């Protein structure tokens, strides 16, 4: 798959997305150290785990031609989080994480819709998936607002996860995503 399939940057109405690279390690580390944020993703990570996360995502871009982006607010340039598409086994998953200061602004829905548009627009897949912790009601709601439906639940306790999916035939387009590359 060609890396040229996916843009190095793109914009939504309020967010700027830039392909993840080595310069993003400090922000990734800060995100991984934020207990409030990481409670929605299974717990904090140390510097070694943050480096490994970055290296895996850089390799994913090289191998797959798509991957994770770092997000910033378009108007202010303030870092907002990360989001992208990633291969997980046979599936391609929509993934996003926003810093707590960006919660409740509709950014997650905005970026998730943009990623669905990119995924269905650029990849030959019949479906896109997503995973959220069962206890993360806000993220589950975002996925449902984007037209995804829960297809399974697995795990126990705080690690219990919901798996969502949307099939190409069900996808109604990324209304409101307003992507410009």
Protein backbone atom coordinates (compact mmCIF):
# COMPACT_ATOMS: atom_id res chain seq x y z
CA UNK A 1 0.00 0.00 0.00
CA UNK A 2 1.35 3.43 -0.90
CA UNK A 3 2.00 6.02 1.80
CA UNK A 4 0.67 8.57 -0.68
CA UNK A 5 -2.88 7.23 -0.22
CA UNK A 6 -3.34 9.25 2.94
CA UNK A 7 -2.41 12.92 3.24
CA UNK A 8 0.42 14.02 5.53
CA UNK A 9 -1.95 16.68 6.87
CA UNK A 10 -5.65 17.45 6.66
CA UNK A 11 -8.09 19.84 8.28
CA UNK A 12 -11.58 19.49 9.62
CA UNK A 13 -13.71 22.49 10.54
CA UNK A 14 -11.87 23.04 13.84
CA UNK A 15 -8.91 20.65 13.87
CA UNK A 16 -5.62 20.29 12.04
CA UNK A 17 -4.21 16.76 11.70
CA UNK A 18 -0.51 16.14 11.01
CA UNK A 19 1.02 12.74 10.35
CA UNK A 20 2.68 11.48 13.54
CA UNK A 21 6.48 11.78 13.53
CA UNK A 22 9.45 11.74 15.92
CA UNK A 23 8.95 15.37 16.94
CA UNK A 24 5.66 14.45 18.63
CA UNK A 25 7.24 12.32 21.39
CA UNK A 26 7.07 15.07 24.07
CA UNK A 27 3.34 15.57 23.52
CA UNK A 28 2.68 11.82 23.32
CA UNK A 29 4.58 11.42 26.60
CA UNK A 30 2.53 14.19 28.21
CA UNK A 31 -0.69 12.54 27.04
CA UNK A 32 0.44 9.15 28.37
CA UNK A 33 1.32 10.68 31.75
CA UNK A 34 -2.11 12.32 32.15
CA UNK A 35 -3.99 10.08 34.58
CA UNK A 36 -7.39 11.58 33.73
CA UNK A 37 -6.93 10.99 29.99
CA UNK A 38 -5.36 7.58 30.31
CA UNK A 39 -8.11 6.35 32.63
CA UNK A 40 -10.15 6.16 29.41
CA UNK A 41 -7.47 3.99 27.79
CA UNK A 42 -6.36 1.54 30.44
CA UNK A 43 -3.88 3.56 32.51
CA UNK A 44 -0.82 5.77 32.24
CA UNK A 45 2.33 4.80 30.34
CA UNK A 46 5.96 5.62 31.12
CA UNK A 47 8.51 7.17 28.75
CA UNK A 48 9.67 3.77 27.43
CA UNK A 49 6.08 2.80 26.60
CA UNK A 50 5.52 6.19 24.92
CA UNK A 51 8.62 5.70 22.77
CA UNK A 52 7.48 2.20 21.82
CA UNK A 53 4.00 3.56 20.96
CA UNK A 54 5.59 6.17 18.68
CA UNK A 55 7.91 3.66 16.99
CA UNK A 56 5.06 1.24 16.35
CA UNK A 57 2.96 3.99 14.83
CA UNK A 58 5.81 5.19 12.59
CA UNK A 59 6.30 1.60 11.41
CA UNK A 60 2.55 1.29 10.80
CA UNK A 61 2.67 4.28 8.43
CA UNK A 62 5.57 2.71 6.55
CA UNK A 63 3.93 -0.71 6.31
CA UNK A 64 0.30 0.29 5.75
CA UNK A 65 0.36 3.73 4.13
CA UNK A 66 -1.93 5.18 6.81
CA UNK A 67 -1.84 5.65 10.55
CA UNK A 68 -2.05 8.08 13.43
CA UNK A 69 -2.13 11.87 13.26
CA UNK A 70 -1.42 14.45 15.92
CA UNK A 71 -4.25 16.95 16.34
CA UNK A 72 -4.21 20.65 17.12
CA UNK A 73 -6.90 23.29 17.23
CA UNK A 74 -6.92 25.13 13.89
CA UNK A 75 -7.53 28.58 15.36
CA UNK A 76 -5.03 28.48 18.22
CA UNK A 77 -2.57 25.77 17.20
CA UNK A 78 -2.87 24.30 20.70
CA UNK A 79 -2.26 20.52 20.76
CA UNK A 80 -5.56 18.67 21.12
CA UNK A 81 -4.73 14.95 20.92
CA UNK A 82 -4.18 12.19 18.42
CA UNK A 83 -6.37 10.24 16.02
CA UNK A 84 -6.10 7.99 13.02
CA UNK A 85 -6.74 4.65 11.42
CA UNK A 86 -4.80 1.55 12.39
CA UNK A 87 -4.75 -2.03 11.29
CA UNK A 88 -5.70 -4.42 14.08
CA UNK A 89 -5.58 -7.98 12.78
CA UNK A 90 -7.92 -8.20 9.81
CA UNK A 91 -9.76 -4.99 10.75
CA UNK A 92 -8.98 -1.31 10.32
CA UNK A 93 -9.89 0.67 13.42
CA UNK A 94 -10.71 4.32 13.98
CA UNK A 95 -8.80 5.53 17.04
CA UNK A 96 -8.72 8.88 18.84
CA UNK A 97 -7.69 10.39 22.16
CA UNK A 98 -8.14 14.02 23.12
CA UNK A 99 -6.61 15.88 26.05
CA UNK A 100 -9.15 16.66 28.80
CA UNK A 101 -9.18 20.38 27.94
CA UNK A 102 -10.69 19.41 24.58
CA UNK A 103 -13.40 17.12 25.94
CA UNK A 104 -17.02 18.13 25.48
CA UNK A 105 -16.36 20.33 22.42
CA UNK A 106 -17.45 17.84 19.75
CA UNK A 107 -13.88 17.31 18.52
CA UNK A 108 -14.05 13.52 18.90
CA UNK A 109 -17.15 13.28 16.70
CA UNK A 110 -15.61 15.69 14.18
CA UNK A 111 -12.37 13.73 13.84
CA UNK A 112 -14.09 10.32 13.90
CA UNK A 113 -16.34 11.36 10.99
CA UNK A 114 -13.33 12.67 9.08
CA UNK A 115 -11.48 9.37 9.64
CA UNK A 116 -14.48 7.37 8.42
CA UNK A 117 -14.51 9.50 5.27
CA UNK A 118 -10.78 8.97 4.74
CA UNK A 119 -11.02 5.25 5.46
CA UNK A 120 -13.93 4.53 3.17
CA UNK A 121 -12.60 6.98 0.59
CA UNK A 122 -9.07 5.59 0.40
CA UNK A 123 -9.12 1.97 1.58
CA UNK A 124 -10.68 -1.10 -0.01
CA UNK A 125 -12.44 -2.25 3.14
CA UNK A 126 -15.99 -3.42 3.66
CA UNK A 127 -16.10 -2.15 7.25
CA UNK A 128 -14.30 0.07 9.74
CA UNK A 129 -14.17 -0.74 13.44
CA UNK A 130 -13.47 1.01 16.75
CA UNK A 131 -12.95 -0.03 20.35
CA UNK A 132 -13.87 1.85 23.52
CA UNK A 133 -13.74 0.93 27.18
CA UNK A 134 -17.20 -0.08 28.36
CA UNK A 135 -17.02 2.59 31.08
CA UNK A 136 -16.17 5.39 28.64
CA UNK A 137 -19.74 6.47 27.91
CA UNK A 138 -18.65 9.63 26.06
CA UNK A 139 -16.51 7.71 23.56
CA UNK A 140 -19.20 5.08 23.07
CA UNK A 141 -21.68 7.87 22.32
CA UNK A 142 -19.30 9.44 19.78
CA UNK A 143 -19.04 6.17 17.89
CA UNK A 144 -22.81 5.73 17.90
CA UNK A 145 -23.31 9.32 16.64
CA UNK A 146 -21.01 8.45 13.74
CA UNK A 147 -23.30 5.57 12.75
CA UNK A 148 -21.22 2.78 14.26
CA UNK A 149 -23.00 -0.04 16.04
CA UNK A 150 -21.77 -2.19 18.89
CA UNK A 151 -21.03 -5.69 17.66
CA UNK A 152 -19.42 -7.24 20.76
CA UNK A 153 -18.18 -6.73 24.29
CA UNK A 154 -15.18 -8.51 25.80
CA UNK A 155 -13.08 -8.44 28.93
CA UNK A 156 -13.80 -8.05 32.60
CA UNK A 157 -14.12 -5.16 35.03
CA UNK A 158 -12.37 -1.91 34.13
CA UNK A 159 -10.77 -3.60 31.09
CA UNK A 160 -14.15 -4.49 29.54
CA UNK A 161 -14.23 -3.16 25.95
CA UNK A 162 -16.96 -2.56 23.42
CA UNK A 163 -16.22 -3.20 19.76
CA UNK A 164 -18.05 -1.09 17.19
CA UNK A 165 -18.35 -1.40 13.43
CA UNK A 166 -19.81 0.35 10.45
CA UNK A 167 -20.07 -1.37 7.08
CA UNK A 168 -19.45 0.53 3.87
CA UNK A 169 -23.05 -0.10 2.78
CA UNK A 170 -24.31 1.47 6.04
CA UNK A 171 -22.05 4.47 5.89
CA UNK A 172 -23.93 7.60 4.97
CA UNK A 173 -20.87 9.75 4.38
CA UNK A 174 -19.01 11.98 6.73
CA UNK A 175 -21.66 14.65 7.16
CA UNK A 176 -20.08 17.61 8.87
CA UNK A 177 -16.50 16.37 8.50
CA UNK A 178 -15.59 18.99 5.89
CA UNK A 179 -12.16 17.58 5.16
CA UNK A 180 -9.70 19.63 3.15
CA UNK A 181 -6.27 18.15 2.43
